[in-house]
Amino acid sequence: MSRREEWQEQVKLSSLLDKWLDHTCTFATATDPVASSAKSGAMRKKRGVKPGLPDTLILHRGKLVTLELKSRRGRCSTSQRAAREALLRAGAEWWECRSAHAAMWALRKSGVRFRTLTRAGGTTERWRQPRLAPWEVPSRDLAEPQAGRGGAATRRTEAVAIACPCCSAGGGHVARRRAGAFRVYIDGMMPDCMREIRETMYLSG
């Protein structure tokens, strides 16, 4: 469900960016960092495609702003955290956003200006920021606590780093097993990797 929620918010964000960005001074694109197969992942890695790229990149007057969209309880994977650190070192801005409206809020905070639309009758329309729920407020810092994001459950979760040899993540994934349960939570995992990782987790537990 979380992946579907993220996809829906990404589609909504794309529509908002098309409408409100000033395309004379702003460039925006979504990324597609998840390989569709092990072969595709290997080819991407050889071509130098970096794992963990944020979902949306916006270049505004020389400033790069990157947006990682997550569902309400989604978490950044190991490769996404590594990409965040690399982008920050290079001078880019990075945000974790829980909705399309939160992403627009983050862009305004980063100084990205939106257009004023003029209608045929001479009336104008400006972007009006909807009120965000506490859990929805964007974050620059992955350590920032936010309401409604299951902090207690996270503290009861065991995290295990497992190398993944068959996809573009390369540096490994983080698999999480909640204490007292047998369900495995896996960040950024490709379908080809699922079975092997789950078996490893069960055998080690």
Foldseek 3Di string as FASTA:
>chain_A
DFVVQQVVQLVVLVVVCVAWADVVFKDKDFDDQAAQFLVRQVVCVVVPNQHQAAGMWMAGNNAIEGEHETALQDDRKPSVVVVLVVCVVVPHAYKYFHGSLLVVVVCVVVVGGIDWDADPVGDIDDDDRDDDDQSGHMDRDSPDDTPPRCPVQVVQKDWDWDADPRGNSRVTTIWIDGPPDLDIRTHSDHPVCVVVVSVVVVVVD
